[in-house]
């Protein structure tokens, strides 16, 4: 993808990509330090403030919804097996679409990759444990609310931290690589274990059924 002017978003002709000013709108393409300007440079402060406002609104109303759902799940018994995964997926979608979408769009490919997957896997595992505790009658409402608030806070502040590093032209931190690697390892391991258990259960069931038919 070719370079675009951060001001007017028009593609820059190849001959103008090293120029100081955009040939379309005439505005500067580099900052005082000589670095190429990006759309993030122009929108950083407004984007940060906008996400802060969305975070406060989501935390306020989302926590109420999580508390009500957590209270209801405690009395659903077997239906909770379906409701808990749905809460995890819903939390992931709300955080992605409502809270951090604009910030992720203005990050570079590498930063966006790390931010997306750390957020996804953190909500997956944190939500599976936290929302899973919602099956406890009454007290489950507290676990559900704390899980929603805690994961939303984590996603919000991690994304803003990443946005600031992107704005400052700083790369991914070592701890991000360690965390993402650990989450991926945990996810792959859990998937393999579930597949093995399912295969063993199916084989055992078929074996027992053959024995019963044999008699």
N, C-alpha and C. Protein backbone atom coordinates (compact mmCIF):
# COMPACT_ATOMS: atom_id res chain seq x y z
N UNK A 1 0.85 -1.20 0.00
CA UNK A 1 0.00 0.00 0.00
C UNK A 1 0.88 1.24 0.00
N UNK A 2 0.63 2.21 -0.90
CA UNK A 2 1.44 3.41 -0.99
C UNK A 2 1.19 4.36 0.16
N UNK A 3 2.09 5.31 0.26
CA UNK A 3 1.96 6.29 1.33
C UNK A 3 0.87 7.30 1.00
N UNK A 4 0.13 7.72 2.03
CA UNK A 4 -0.93 8.71 1.87
C UNK A 4 -0.60 9.94 2.68
N UNK A 5 -1.18 11.06 2.28
CA UNK A 5 -1.05 12.29 3.06
C UNK A 5 -1.87 12.14 4.33
N UNK A 6 -1.29 12.40 5.52
CA UNK A 6 -2.06 12.24 6.76
C UNK A 6 -3.15 13.29 6.91
N UNK A 7 -3.08 14.37 6.14
CA UNK A 7 -4.06 15.46 6.26
C UNK A 7 -5.27 15.22 5.37
N UNK A 8 -5.02 15.04 4.07
CA UNK A 8 -6.13 14.90 3.12
C UNK A 8 -6.39 13.45 2.72
N UNK A 9 -5.50 12.53 3.14
CA UNK A 9 -5.62 11.10 2.88
C UNK A 9 -5.53 10.74 1.39
N UNK A 10 -5.02 11.66 0.58
CA UNK A 10 -4.84 11.37 -0.84
C UNK A 10 -3.53 10.60 -1.04
N UNK A 11 -3.52 9.62 -1.95
CA UNK A 11 -2.26 8.90 -2.23
C UNK A 11 -1.21 9.86 -2.77
N UNK A 12 0.01 9.70 -2.29
CA UNK A 12 1.09 10.57 -2.75
C UNK A 12 1.74 9.98 -3.99
N UNK A 13 1.95 10.79 -5.03
CA UNK A 13 2.68 10.30 -6.20
C UNK A 13 4.07 9.83 -5.78
N UNK A 14 4.60 8.85 -6.48
CA UNK A 14 5.91 8.32 -6.13
C UNK A 14 6.96 9.43 -6.08
N UNK A 15 6.85 10.38 -6.96
CA UNK A 15 7.84 11.47 -7.02
C UNK A 15 7.74 12.42 -5.83
N UNK A 16 6.61 12.38 -5.10
CA UNK A 16 6.40 13.33 -4.01
C UNK A 16 6.53 12.69 -2.64
N UNK A 17 6.89 11.40 -2.56
CA UNK A 17 6.92 10.71 -1.28
C UNK A 17 8.07 11.13 -0.37
N UNK A 18 9.04 11.79 -0.92
CA UNK A 18 10.13 12.31 -0.10
C UNK A 18 10.04 13.83 0.07
N UNK A 19 8.93 14.39 -0.43
CA UNK A 19 8.77 15.85 -0.36
C UNK A 19 8.41 16.27 1.05
N UNK A 20 8.59 17.58 1.34
CA UNK A 20 8.28 18.12 2.66
C UNK A 20 6.81 18.47 2.80
N UNK A 21 6.15 18.77 1.66
CA UNK A 21 4.75 19.17 1.68
C UNK A 21 3.94 18.31 0.72
N UNK A 22 2.65 18.15 1.05
CA UNK A 22 1.75 17.38 0.19
C UNK A 22 1.44 18.19 -1.07
N UNK A 23 1.60 17.61 -2.26
CA UNK A 23 1.29 18.36 -3.49
C UNK A 23 -0.21 18.58 -3.69
N UNK A 24 -1.05 17.86 -2.93
CA UNK A 24 -2.50 17.99 -3.07
C UNK A 24 -3.05 19.12 -2.21
N UNK A 25 -2.71 19.08 -0.91
CA UNK A 25 -3.28 20.07 0.01
C UNK A 25 -2.26 21.10 0.49
N UNK A 26 -0.98 20.88 0.20
CA UNK A 26 0.05 21.85 0.54
C UNK A 26 0.53 21.83 1.98
N UNK A 27 0.01 20.90 2.80
CA UNK A 27 0.43 20.87 4.21
C UNK A 27 1.65 19.98 4.40
N UNK A 28 2.35 20.21 5.51
CA UNK A 28 3.62 19.54 5.73
C UNK A 28 3.44 18.05 5.99
N UNK A 29 4.41 17.27 5.52
CA UNK A 29 4.38 15.82 5.66
C UNK A 29 5.34 15.32 6.73
N UNK A 30 6.13 16.22 7.29
CA UNK A 30 7.09 15.83 8.32
C UNK A 30 7.01 16.78 9.50
N UNK A 31 7.37 16.25 10.69
CA UNK A 31 7.35 17.10 11.88
C UNK A 31 8.68 17.83 12.02
N UNK A 32 8.86 18.56 13.12
CA UNK A 32 10.06 19.37 13.30
C UNK A 32 11.32 18.52 13.40
N UNK A 33 11.16 17.25 13.80
CA UNK A 33 12.32 16.36 13.90
C UNK A 33 12.62 15.66 12.59
N UNK A 34 11.83 15.95 11.57
CA UNK A 34 12.04 15.34 10.27
C UNK A 34 11.38 14.00 10.08
N UNK A 35 10.55 13.56 11.05
CA UNK A 35 9.86 12.28 10.94
C UNK A 35 8.59 12.43 10.12
N UNK A 36 8.26 11.38 9.37
CA UNK A 36 7.04 11.42 8.58
C UNK A 36 5.82 11.48 9.49
N UNK A 37 4.92 12.37 9.19
CA UNK A 37 3.68 12.47 9.96
C UNK A 37 2.73 11.35 9.57
N UNK A 38 1.96 10.88 10.53
CA UNK A 38 0.94 9.87 10.28
C UNK A 38 -0.41 10.40 10.74
N UNK A 39 -1.47 9.69 10.39
CA UNK A 39 -2.80 10.11 10.86
C UNK A 39 -2.89 10.06 12.38
N UNK A 40 -2.15 9.15 12.98
CA UNK A 40 -2.14 9.06 14.44
C UNK A 40 -1.54 10.31 15.07
N UNK A 41 -0.51 10.88 14.44
CA UNK A 41 0.09 12.11 14.96
C UNK A 41 -0.93 13.24 15.03
N UNK A 42 -1.82 13.28 14.06
CA UNK A 42 -2.79 14.37 13.98
C UNK A 42 -3.98 14.15 14.91
N UNK A 43 -4.25 12.88 15.24
CA UNK A 43 -5.48 12.57 15.99
C UNK A 43 -5.22 12.00 17.38
N UNK A 44 -3.97 11.92 17.80
CA UNK A 44 -3.62 11.20 19.03
C UNK A 44 -4.40 11.69 20.25
N UNK A 45 -4.31 12.98 20.54
CA UNK A 45 -4.95 13.49 21.76
C UNK A 45 -6.47 13.34 21.72
N UNK A 46 -7.08 13.67 20.59
CA UNK A 46 -8.53 13.53 20.48
C UNK A 46 -8.97 12.08 20.58
N UNK A 47 -8.19 11.18 19.99
CA UNK A 47 -8.51 9.76 20.04
C UNK A 47 -8.41 9.22 21.45
N UNK A 48 -7.38 9.65 22.16
CA UNK A 48 -7.19 9.21 23.55
C UNK A 48 -8.34 9.69 24.43
N UNK A 49 -8.72 10.95 24.28
CA UNK A 49 -9.83 11.50 25.08
C UNK A 49 -11.15 10.83 24.73
N UNK A 50 -11.35 10.54 23.47
CA UNK A 50 -12.59 9.89 23.02
C UNK A 50 -12.70 8.49 23.62
N UNK A 51 -11.59 7.76 23.64
CA UNK A 51 -11.64 6.41 24.21
C UNK A 51 -11.86 6.47 25.72
N UNK A 52 -11.31 7.47 26.38
CA UNK A 52 -11.54 7.63 27.82
C UNK A 52 -13.03 7.81 28.11
N UNK A 53 -13.71 8.60 27.29
CA UNK A 53 -15.15 8.82 27.49
C UNK A 53 -15.93 7.53 27.23
N UNK A 54 -15.57 6.82 26.18
CA UNK A 54 -16.26 5.56 25.89
C UNK A 54 -16.03 4.54 26.99
N UNK A 55 -14.83 4.53 27.54
CA UNK A 55 -14.50 3.60 28.61
C UNK A 55 -15.37 3.86 29.84
N UNK A 56 -15.52 5.11 30.22
CA UNK A 56 -16.33 5.43 31.40
C UNK A 56 -17.80 5.01 31.18
N UNK A 57 -18.32 5.28 29.98
CA UNK A 57 -19.70 4.89 29.70
C UNK A 57 -19.88 3.38 29.69
N UNK A 58 -18.94 2.67 29.06
CA UNK A 58 -19.03 1.23 28.99
C UNK A 58 -18.90 0.60 30.37
N UNK A 59 -18.02 1.15 31.18
CA UNK A 59 -17.83 0.60 32.53
C UNK A 59 -19.08 0.79 33.38
N UNK A 60 -19.73 1.93 33.22
CA UNK A 60 -20.92 2.22 34.02
C UNK A 60 -22.09 1.32 33.64
N UNK A 61 -22.46 1.32 32.36
CA UNK A 61 -23.63 0.56 31.94
C UNK A 61 -23.34 -0.93 31.79
N UNK A 62 -22.13 -1.27 31.34
CA UNK A 62 -21.79 -2.66 31.16
C UNK A 62 -21.72 -3.43 32.47
N UNK A 63 -21.27 -2.76 33.52
CA UNK A 63 -21.18 -3.42 34.82
C UNK A 63 -22.57 -3.78 35.35
N UNK A 64 -23.53 -2.90 35.10
CA UNK A 64 -24.91 -3.18 35.52
C UNK A 64 -25.46 -4.40 34.78
N UNK A 65 -25.23 -4.44 33.47
CA UNK A 65 -25.70 -5.59 32.68
C UNK A 65 -25.01 -6.87 33.14
N UNK A 66 -23.71 -6.79 33.38
CA UNK A 66 -22.97 -7.98 33.83
C UNK A 66 -23.49 -8.47 35.18
N UNK A 67 -23.84 -7.53 36.07
CA UNK A 67 -24.36 -7.92 37.39
C UNK A 67 -25.70 -8.63 37.26
N UNK A 68 -26.57 -8.12 36.40
CA UNK A 68 -27.89 -8.73 36.21
C UNK A 68 -27.75 -10.12 35.59
N UNK A 69 -26.91 -10.24 34.56
CA UNK A 69 -26.71 -11.53 33.91
C UNK A 69 -26.07 -12.53 34.86
N UNK A 70 -25.11 -12.04 35.66
CA UNK A 70 -24.47 -12.93 36.62
C UNK A 70 -25.44 -13.44 37.65
N UNK A 71 -26.37 -12.60 38.06
CA UNK A 71 -27.38 -13.02 39.02
C UNK A 71 -28.31 -14.06 38.40
N UNK A 72 -28.66 -13.85 37.14
CA UNK A 72 -29.59 -14.78 36.47
C UNK A 72 -28.94 -16.13 36.19
N UNK A 73 -27.66 -16.11 35.79
CA UNK A 73 -26.97 -17.35 35.44
C UNK A 73 -26.89 -18.30 36.64
N UNK A 74 -26.78 -17.72 37.84
CA UNK A 74 -26.69 -18.55 39.02
C UNK A 74 -27.89 -19.45 39.24
N UNK A 75 -29.00 -19.15 38.59
CA UNK A 75 -30.22 -19.96 38.74
C UNK A 75 -30.60 -20.71 37.46
N UNK A 76 -29.70 -20.68 36.48
CA UNK A 76 -30.01 -21.30 35.20
C UNK A 76 -29.56 -22.75 35.10
N UNK A 77 -28.68 -23.19 35.98
CA UNK A 77 -28.19 -24.56 36.00
C UNK A 77 -27.55 -24.94 34.66
N UNK A 78 -28.11 -25.89 33.94
CA UNK A 78 -27.49 -26.37 32.70
C UNK A 78 -27.41 -25.30 31.62
N UNK A 79 -28.34 -24.35 31.64
CA UNK A 79 -28.34 -23.28 30.63
C UNK A 79 -27.10 -22.41 30.76
N UNK A 80 -26.46 -22.40 31.93
CA UNK A 80 -25.26 -21.60 32.13
C UNK A 80 -24.12 -22.06 31.23
N UNK A 81 -24.15 -23.33 30.82
CA UNK A 81 -23.11 -23.86 29.92
C UNK A 81 -23.10 -23.09 28.60
N UNK A 82 -24.25 -22.64 28.19
CA UNK A 82 -24.37 -21.85 26.95
C UNK A 82 -24.19 -20.36 27.24
N UNK A 83 -24.72 -19.88 28.36
CA UNK A 83 -24.71 -18.45 28.66
C UNK A 83 -23.31 -17.91 28.93
N UNK A 84 -22.49 -18.68 29.61
CA UNK A 84 -21.14 -18.20 29.95
C UNK A 84 -20.30 -17.95 28.69
N UNK A 85 -20.21 -18.89 27.74
CA UNK A 85 -19.48 -18.58 26.50
C UNK A 85 -20.05 -17.39 25.75
N UNK A 86 -21.38 -17.24 25.78
CA UNK A 86 -22.01 -16.11 25.10
C UNK A 86 -21.60 -14.79 25.74
N UNK A 87 -21.44 -14.77 27.07
CA UNK A 87 -20.99 -13.55 27.75
C UNK A 87 -19.56 -13.21 27.36
N UNK A 88 -18.72 -14.24 27.22
CA UNK A 88 -17.33 -14.01 26.80
C UNK A 88 -17.30 -13.40 25.40
N UNK A 89 -18.05 -14.00 24.48
CA UNK A 89 -18.08 -13.50 23.10
C UNK A 89 -18.66 -12.09 23.04
N UNK A 90 -19.73 -11.84 23.79
CA UNK A 90 -20.34 -10.51 23.80
C UNK A 90 -19.37 -9.47 24.34
N UNK A 91 -18.64 -9.81 25.40
CA UNK A 91 -17.67 -8.87 25.96
C UNK A 91 -16.57 -8.57 24.94
N UNK A 92 -16.12 -9.59 24.26
CA UNK A 92 -15.09 -9.40 23.24
C UNK A 92 -15.57 -8.47 22.13
N UNK A 93 -16.79 -8.68 21.66
CA UNK A 93 -17.34 -7.85 20.58
C UNK A 93 -17.54 -6.41 21.02
N UNK A 94 -18.07 -6.22 22.22
CA UNK A 94 -18.31 -4.86 22.72
C UNK A 94 -16.99 -4.11 22.89
N UNK A 95 -16.00 -4.78 23.46
CA UNK A 95 -14.70 -4.13 23.66
C UNK A 95 -14.06 -3.78 22.32
N UNK A 96 -14.16 -4.70 21.37
CA UNK A 96 -13.54 -4.48 20.06
C UNK A 96 -14.24 -3.38 19.27
N UNK A 97 -15.56 -3.45 19.19
CA UNK A 97 -16.31 -2.52 18.33
C UNK A 97 -16.51 -1.16 18.99
N UNK A 98 -16.88 -1.16 20.25
CA UNK A 98 -17.25 0.09 20.91
C UNK A 98 -16.07 0.82 21.54
N UNK A 99 -15.10 0.08 22.08
CA UNK A 99 -14.05 0.72 22.87
C UNK A 99 -12.76 1.00 22.11
N UNK A 100 -12.20 0.00 21.42
CA UNK A 100 -10.84 0.14 20.90
C UNK A 100 -10.73 0.14 19.38
N UNK A 101 -11.82 0.07 18.67
CA UNK A 101 -11.74 -0.04 17.21
C UNK A 101 -10.97 1.12 16.58
N UNK A 102 -11.30 2.35 16.96
CA UNK A 102 -10.64 3.52 16.36
C UNK A 102 -9.15 3.54 16.67
N UNK A 103 -8.78 3.18 17.88
CA UNK A 103 -7.36 3.17 18.24
C UNK A 103 -6.60 2.13 17.44
N UNK A 104 -7.18 0.94 17.28
CA UNK A 104 -6.51 -0.13 16.53
C UNK A 104 -6.32 0.25 15.07
N UNK A 105 -7.28 0.96 14.51
CA UNK A 105 -7.20 1.33 13.09
C UNK A 105 -6.00 2.20 12.78
N UNK A 106 -5.56 3.01 13.75
CA UNK A 106 -4.46 3.94 13.49
C UNK A 106 -3.11 3.41 13.95
N UNK A 107 -3.07 2.17 14.40
CA UNK A 107 -1.80 1.55 14.77
C UNK A 107 -1.16 0.90 13.54
N UNK A 108 0.15 0.74 13.60
CA UNK A 108 0.86 0.02 12.54
C UNK A 108 0.53 -1.46 12.57
N UNK A 109 0.85 -2.20 11.53
CA UNK A 109 0.49 -3.63 11.43
C UNK A 109 0.99 -4.46 12.62
N UNK A 110 2.24 -4.29 13.03
CA UNK A 110 2.79 -5.11 14.11
C UNK A 110 2.11 -4.79 15.44
N UNK A 111 1.99 -3.50 15.75
CA UNK A 111 1.35 -3.09 17.01
C UNK A 111 -0.12 -3.53 17.01
N UNK A 112 -0.79 -3.40 15.88
CA UNK A 112 -2.20 -3.80 15.79
C UNK A 112 -2.34 -5.31 16.01
N UNK A 113 -1.43 -6.10 15.45
CA UNK A 113 -1.46 -7.55 15.61
C UNK A 113 -1.35 -7.93 17.09
N UNK A 114 -0.36 -7.38 17.77
CA UNK A 114 -0.16 -7.71 19.18
C UNK A 114 -1.35 -7.25 20.02
N UNK A 115 -1.82 -6.04 19.77
CA UNK A 115 -2.93 -5.50 20.57
C UNK A 115 -4.19 -6.33 20.38
N UNK A 116 -4.51 -6.68 19.16
CA UNK A 116 -5.73 -7.45 18.89
C UNK A 116 -5.69 -8.80 19.58
N UNK A 117 -4.57 -9.51 19.44
CA UNK A 117 -4.54 -10.87 19.96
C UNK A 117 -4.37 -10.94 21.47
N UNK A 118 -3.65 -9.99 22.04
CA UNK A 118 -3.56 -9.96 23.50
C UNK A 118 -4.93 -9.64 24.10
N UNK A 119 -5.65 -8.72 23.49
CA UNK A 119 -7.00 -8.39 23.95
C UNK A 119 -7.93 -9.59 23.80
N UNK A 120 -7.93 -10.23 22.64
CA UNK A 120 -8.82 -11.36 22.39
C UNK A 120 -8.57 -12.51 23.37
N UNK A 121 -7.31 -12.90 23.51
CA UNK A 121 -7.01 -14.05 24.35
C UNK A 121 -7.14 -13.73 25.83
N UNK A 122 -6.90 -12.48 26.21
CA UNK A 122 -7.08 -12.10 27.61
C UNK A 122 -8.55 -12.17 28.00
N UNK A 123 -9.42 -11.68 27.12
CA UNK A 123 -10.86 -11.75 27.40
C UNK A 123 -11.33 -13.19 27.35
N UNK A 124 -10.79 -13.98 26.44
CA UNK A 124 -11.18 -15.38 26.33
C UNK A 124 -10.89 -16.13 27.64
N UNK A 125 -9.67 -16.05 28.12
CA UNK A 125 -9.30 -16.80 29.31
C UNK A 125 -9.80 -16.14 30.60
N UNK A 126 -9.67 -14.82 30.68
CA UNK A 126 -10.18 -14.14 31.87
C UNK A 126 -11.68 -14.26 31.99
N UNK A 127 -12.36 -14.15 30.85
CA UNK A 127 -13.81 -14.27 30.86
C UNK A 127 -14.27 -15.68 31.15
N UNK A 128 -13.56 -16.68 30.62
CA UNK A 128 -13.94 -18.07 30.87
C UNK A 128 -13.91 -18.39 32.36
N UNK A 129 -12.88 -17.88 33.04
CA UNK A 129 -12.76 -18.13 34.49
C UNK A 129 -13.74 -17.26 35.27
N UNK A 130 -13.73 -15.94 35.00
CA UNK A 130 -14.55 -15.02 35.77
C UNK A 130 -16.04 -15.21 35.57
N UNK A 131 -16.47 -15.29 34.31
CA UNK A 131 -17.89 -15.49 34.04
C UNK A 131 -18.32 -16.91 34.42
N UNK A 132 -17.36 -17.84 34.39
CA UNK A 132 -17.68 -19.19 34.83
C UNK A 132 -18.07 -19.23 36.30
N UNK A 133 -17.50 -18.32 37.09
CA UNK A 133 -17.83 -18.25 38.52
C UNK A 133 -19.25 -17.71 38.74
N UNK A 134 -19.85 -17.20 37.68
CA UNK A 134 -21.21 -16.66 37.81
C UNK A 134 -22.24 -17.74 38.07
N UNK A 135 -21.85 -19.00 37.90
CA UNK A 135 -22.80 -20.09 38.15
C UNK A 135 -23.10 -20.23 39.65
N UNK A 136 -22.29 -19.59 40.50
CA UNK A 136 -22.54 -19.62 41.94
C UNK A 136 -23.73 -18.71 42.24
N UNK A 137 -24.80 -19.23 42.80
CA UNK A 137 -25.98 -18.38 43.07
C UNK A 137 -25.63 -17.17 43.93
N UNK A 138 -26.21 -16.04 43.62
CA UNK A 138 -26.06 -14.76 44.31
C UNK A 138 -24.65 -14.20 44.17
N UNK A 139 -23.66 -14.90 44.75
CA UNK A 139 -22.27 -14.42 44.70
C UNK A 139 -21.76 -14.34 43.27
N UNK A 140 -22.35 -15.12 42.34
CA UNK A 140 -21.93 -15.10 40.95
C UNK A 140 -22.08 -13.74 40.32
N UNK A 141 -23.03 -12.95 40.80
CA UNK A 141 -23.22 -11.60 40.27
C UNK A 141 -22.00 -10.73 40.54
N UNK A 142 -21.39 -10.91 41.71
CA UNK A 142 -20.18 -10.14 42.05
C UNK A 142 -19.02 -10.55 41.16
N UNK A 143 -18.86 -11.85 40.93
CA UNK A 143 -17.79 -12.33 40.07
C UNK A 143 -17.97 -11.82 38.63
N UNK A 144 -19.20 -11.85 38.15
CA UNK A 144 -19.49 -11.40 36.80
C UNK A 144 -19.17 -9.91 36.64
N UNK A 145 -19.59 -9.11 37.60
CA UNK A 145 -19.35 -7.66 37.54
C UNK A 145 -17.87 -7.36 37.62
N UNK A 146 -17.17 -8.02 38.55
CA UNK A 146 -15.73 -7.79 38.71
C UNK A 146 -14.96 -8.20 37.46
N UNK A 147 -15.40 -9.29 36.82
CA UNK A 147 -14.75 -9.75 35.60
C UNK A 147 -14.92 -8.75 34.48
N UNK A 148 -16.15 -8.26 34.30
CA UNK A 148 -16.39 -7.28 33.25
C UNK A 148 -15.58 -6.01 33.49
N UNK A 149 -15.64 -5.49 34.71
CA UNK A 149 -14.93 -4.25 35.02
C UNK A 149 -13.43 -4.42 34.88
N UNK A 150 -12.91 -5.53 35.41
CA UNK A 150 -11.46 -5.75 35.37
C UNK A 150 -10.93 -5.93 33.96
N UNK A 151 -11.60 -6.75 33.16
CA UNK A 151 -11.13 -6.97 31.79
C UNK A 151 -11.29 -5.73 30.92
N UNK A 152 -12.37 -4.99 31.12
CA UNK A 152 -12.56 -3.75 30.36
C UNK A 152 -11.49 -2.73 30.72
N UNK A 153 -11.18 -2.62 32.00
CA UNK A 153 -10.11 -1.72 32.44
C UNK A 153 -8.78 -2.12 31.83
N UNK A 154 -8.49 -3.41 31.82
CA UNK A 154 -7.24 -3.92 31.26
C UNK A 154 -7.14 -3.62 29.77
N UNK A 155 -8.20 -3.91 29.03
CA UNK A 155 -8.21 -3.68 27.58
C UNK A 155 -8.03 -2.20 27.27
N UNK A 156 -8.75 -1.36 27.99
CA UNK A 156 -8.68 0.08 27.77
C UNK A 156 -7.28 0.63 27.99
N UNK A 157 -6.70 0.33 29.13
CA UNK A 157 -5.39 0.89 29.47
C UNK A 157 -4.27 0.28 28.65
N UNK A 158 -4.38 -1.00 28.32
CA UNK A 158 -3.35 -1.60 27.47
C UNK A 158 -3.39 -0.99 26.07
N UNK A 159 -4.58 -0.77 25.54
CA UNK A 159 -4.70 -0.19 24.20
C UNK A 159 -4.18 1.24 24.17
N UNK A 160 -4.51 2.03 25.19
CA UNK A 160 -3.98 3.40 25.24
C UNK A 160 -2.47 3.40 25.39
N UNK A 161 -1.95 2.48 26.19
CA UNK A 161 -0.50 2.37 26.34
C UNK A 161 0.16 2.05 25.00
N UNK A 162 -0.43 1.11 24.25
CA UNK A 162 0.09 0.76 22.94
C UNK A 162 -0.04 1.92 21.96
N UNK A 163 -1.13 2.66 22.06
CA UNK A 163 -1.33 3.81 21.18
C UNK A 163 -0.26 4.87 21.43
N UNK A 164 0.07 5.08 22.70
CA UNK A 164 1.11 6.05 23.04
C UNK A 164 2.47 5.61 22.51
N UNK A 165 2.78 4.32 22.63
CA UNK A 165 4.05 3.82 22.09
C UNK A 165 4.11 3.94 20.57
N UNK A 166 2.99 3.70 19.92
CA UNK A 166 2.93 3.85 18.47
C UNK A 166 3.15 5.30 18.08
N UNK A 167 2.54 6.20 18.81
CA UNK A 167 2.68 7.63 18.54
C UNK A 167 4.12 8.08 18.76
N UNK A 168 4.80 7.48 19.74
CA UNK A 168 6.19 7.84 20.05
C UNK A 168 7.19 7.07 19.20
N UNK A 169 6.71 6.26 18.24
CA UNK A 169 7.58 5.46 17.36
C UNK A 169 8.40 4.45 18.15
N UNK A 170 7.77 3.84 19.14
CA UNK A 170 8.43 2.81 19.93
C UNK A 170 7.80 1.45 19.60
N UNK A 171 8.63 0.43 19.54
CA UNK A 171 8.16 -0.89 19.14
C UNK A 171 7.47 -1.64 20.27
N UNK A 172 7.15 -2.89 20.00
CA UNK A 172 6.52 -3.73 21.02
C UNK A 172 7.52 -4.05 22.12
N UNK A 173 7.02 -4.17 23.34
CA UNK A 173 7.87 -4.46 24.49
C UNK A 173 8.09 -5.98 24.59
N UNK A 174 9.16 -6.34 25.29
CA UNK A 174 9.47 -7.77 25.45
C UNK A 174 8.34 -8.49 26.18
N UNK A 175 7.77 -7.83 27.19
CA UNK A 175 6.73 -8.49 27.97
C UNK A 175 5.49 -8.79 27.12
N UNK A 176 5.23 -7.97 26.10
CA UNK A 176 4.09 -8.25 25.22
C UNK A 176 4.31 -9.55 24.45
N UNK A 177 5.53 -9.76 23.99
CA UNK A 177 5.85 -10.99 23.26
C UNK A 177 5.73 -12.20 24.17
N UNK A 178 6.18 -12.04 25.43
CA UNK A 178 6.10 -13.14 26.39
C UNK A 178 4.63 -13.46 26.71
N UNK A 179 3.84 -12.42 26.96
CA UNK A 179 2.43 -12.61 27.30
C UNK A 179 1.67 -13.25 26.13
N UNK A 180 1.87 -12.72 24.93
CA UNK A 180 1.16 -13.28 23.78
C UNK A 180 1.59 -14.72 23.53
N UNK A 181 2.89 -14.99 23.66
CA UNK A 181 3.37 -16.35 23.48
C UNK A 181 2.77 -17.29 24.50
N UNK A 182 2.68 -16.84 25.76
CA UNK A 182 2.09 -17.67 26.80
C UNK A 182 0.61 -17.93 26.56
N UNK A 183 -0.12 -16.89 26.13
CA UNK A 183 -1.55 -17.06 25.87
C UNK A 183 -1.79 -18.00 24.69
N UNK A 184 -0.97 -17.88 23.66
CA UNK A 184 -1.10 -18.77 22.49
C UNK A 184 -0.79 -20.21 22.90
N UNK A 185 0.27 -20.40 23.68
CA UNK A 185 0.62 -21.74 24.15
C UNK A 185 -0.51 -22.34 24.98
N UNK A 186 -1.07 -21.53 25.86
CA UNK A 186 -2.18 -22.00 26.70
C UNK A 186 -3.38 -22.39 25.85
N UNK A 187 -3.68 -21.57 24.85
CA UNK A 187 -4.84 -21.83 23.99
C UNK A 187 -4.65 -23.10 23.17
N UNK A 188 -3.46 -23.25 22.58
CA UNK A 188 -3.18 -24.45 21.77
C UNK A 188 -3.21 -25.70 22.64
N UNK A 189 -2.59 -25.61 23.82
CA UNK A 189 -2.57 -26.76 24.73
C UNK A 189 -3.97 -27.17 25.15
N UNK A 190 -4.79 -26.17 25.51
CA UNK A 190 -6.16 -26.47 25.93
C UNK A 190 -6.95 -27.08 24.79
N UNK A 191 -6.74 -26.60 23.57
CA UNK A 191 -7.46 -27.15 22.41
C UNK A 191 -7.08 -28.60 22.18
N UNK A 192 -5.77 -28.89 22.26
CA UNK A 192 -5.31 -30.28 22.07
C UNK A 192 -5.88 -31.20 23.14
N UNK A 193 -5.88 -30.72 24.39
CA UNK A 193 -6.41 -31.52 25.50
C UNK A 193 -7.89 -31.83 25.28
N UNK A 194 -8.66 -30.82 24.87
CA UNK A 194 -10.10 -31.03 24.63
C UNK A 194 -10.32 -32.04 23.51
N UNK A 195 -9.51 -31.94 22.45
CA UNK A 195 -9.65 -32.87 21.32
C UNK A 195 -9.32 -34.30 21.77
N UNK A 196 -8.24 -34.44 22.55
CA UNK A 196 -7.84 -35.77 23.03
C UNK A 196 -8.92 -36.36 23.94
N UNK A 197 -9.43 -35.54 24.86
CA UNK A 197 -10.48 -36.03 25.77
C UNK A 197 -11.72 -36.44 25.00
N UNK A 198 -12.10 -35.61 24.01
CA UNK A 198 -13.28 -35.94 23.20
C UNK A 198 -13.07 -37.24 22.42
N UNK A 199 -11.86 -37.41 21.88
CA UNK A 199 -11.56 -38.63 21.13
C UNK A 199 -11.60 -39.86 22.04
N UNK A 200 -11.00 -39.72 23.24
CA UNK A 200 -11.00 -40.82 24.19
C UNK A 200 -12.42 -41.16 24.65
N UNK A 201 -13.21 -40.11 24.89
CA UNK A 201 -14.60 -40.34 25.31
C UNK A 201 -15.39 -41.05 24.22
N UNK A 202 -15.18 -40.64 22.98
CA UNK A 202 -15.86 -41.28 21.86
C UNK A 202 -15.43 -42.73 21.70
N UNK A 203 -14.11 -42.98 21.82
CA UNK A 203 -13.61 -44.35 21.68
C UNK A 203 -14.13 -45.23 22.82
N UNK A 204 -14.11 -44.68 24.04
CA UNK A 204 -14.59 -45.44 25.20
C UNK A 204 -16.08 -45.76 25.06
N UNK A 205 -16.86 -44.76 24.64
CA UNK A 205 -18.29 -44.98 24.45
C UNK A 205 -18.57 -46.05 23.42
N UNK A 206 -17.82 -46.01 22.31
CA UNK A 206 -18.01 -47.00 21.25
C UNK A 206 -17.62 -48.39 21.75
N UNK A 207 -16.54 -48.47 22.54
CA UNK A 207 -16.07 -49.75 23.06
C UNK A 207 -17.10 -50.36 24.02
N UNK A 208 -17.64 -49.52 24.92
CA UNK A 208 -18.64 -49.98 25.87
C UNK A 208 -19.90 -50.42 25.14
N UNK A 209 -20.29 -49.67 24.12
CA UNK A 209 -21.48 -50.02 23.34
C UNK A 209 -21.30 -51.36 22.64
N UNK A 210 -20.09 -51.62 22.12
CA UNK A 210 -19.82 -52.91 21.47
C UNK A 210 -19.91 -54.05 22.48
N UNK A 211 -19.40 -53.79 23.71
CA UNK A 211 -19.47 -54.83 24.74
C UNK A 211 -20.92 -55.15 25.10
N UNK A 212 -21.73 -54.10 25.22
CA UNK A 212 -23.14 -54.30 25.56
C UNK A 212 -23.84 -55.08 24.45
N UNK A 213 -23.57 -54.74 23.22
CA UNK A 213 -24.21 -55.43 22.10
C UNK A 213 -23.74 -56.88 22.01
N UNK A 214 -22.48 -57.10 22.42
CA UNK A 214 -21.95 -58.45 22.37
C UNK A 214 -22.63 -59.39 23.34
N UNK A 215 -23.14 -58.82 24.43
CA UNK A 215 -23.84 -59.65 25.41
C UNK A 215 -25.33 -59.77 25.05
